[in-house]
Amino acid sequence: MNPAEATLAEQPVMQRAARESYRVARAAATGEEILAWAETVVEMEQEATASHWPLTACGPGCAHCCHIPVEVSPVEVTILHRASCLLPGYEERVRASASADAEGRVACPLLVANRCVAYAARPAACRGENSTSAEECAQPRGSHHYYGEVRMLSRSVIGGATIAFGERGLDVRPLLLRRALAEVAHLPPDEPLERWLAGEVLFSPASRMPYGRRVKSMLLQISRRKTQLT
């Protein structure tokens, strides 16, 4: 986390979002309660974004950010799978995406006709991605202007939940979305979530993302909190 991001993370709206996400995630003991947590945090983000950072460039059919690697948590993968696995062609798209050239721009397997088929269940990394200029996004490998606050809000939400789930001994190691989905694509809708909630490690090292400073910091915090609780 760079100094600018650290400053954003200290804003009251970010702190409140992280605490509320932590509180709900810490108490979620069933699959239904995990899904309720997901709905709660999405509503929080939508309300804050609409109030403070109205987006002007993102909209239906705009999918430039749907071709970049996406870091997700295990629980987010299980929720995405549950939301999309019964859609036509799901398993075939997921497996094709997982085996595609990792160095190139690979379309998300949930992108169909330039629209996300699991938009309501999309992970924090996708919810936080935003732009103030669609033209800039369309430039090959170009940068674009965006609301840093929107990104940080989603990170705060998933960060609070990651600490809560990690304290409970659940797997919270970051994953590459398209590879992780491929590992559970053959399973019934609810099975990955139930098995993850029971403490099973569903995803192999091949699907894991390298730990960045932000994730290392969260894992260290989890370790310290668990030590305090024992």
Foldseek 3Di string as FASTA:
>chain_A
DDPVLVVLCPDPLLVVLLQVLLVQLLPQQDPVSLVVSLVVSVVSLVVVCVVPPPADADDQLQCLVQQAWDKAWLLLLLQQLLQPLPDPPQLVLLVVQLPDDNVDRGGASQQDNSGGSRVSSHALQVQLDGANDSVQSPDVVGDGDDDSSSSSSSVSSVLSSLLSCVLVQFGTFMFGNSNLNNQCSVDHNNVSNRCRSVRDDRDDPVGGDDDDPSNVVSNVVSVVVNVVVD
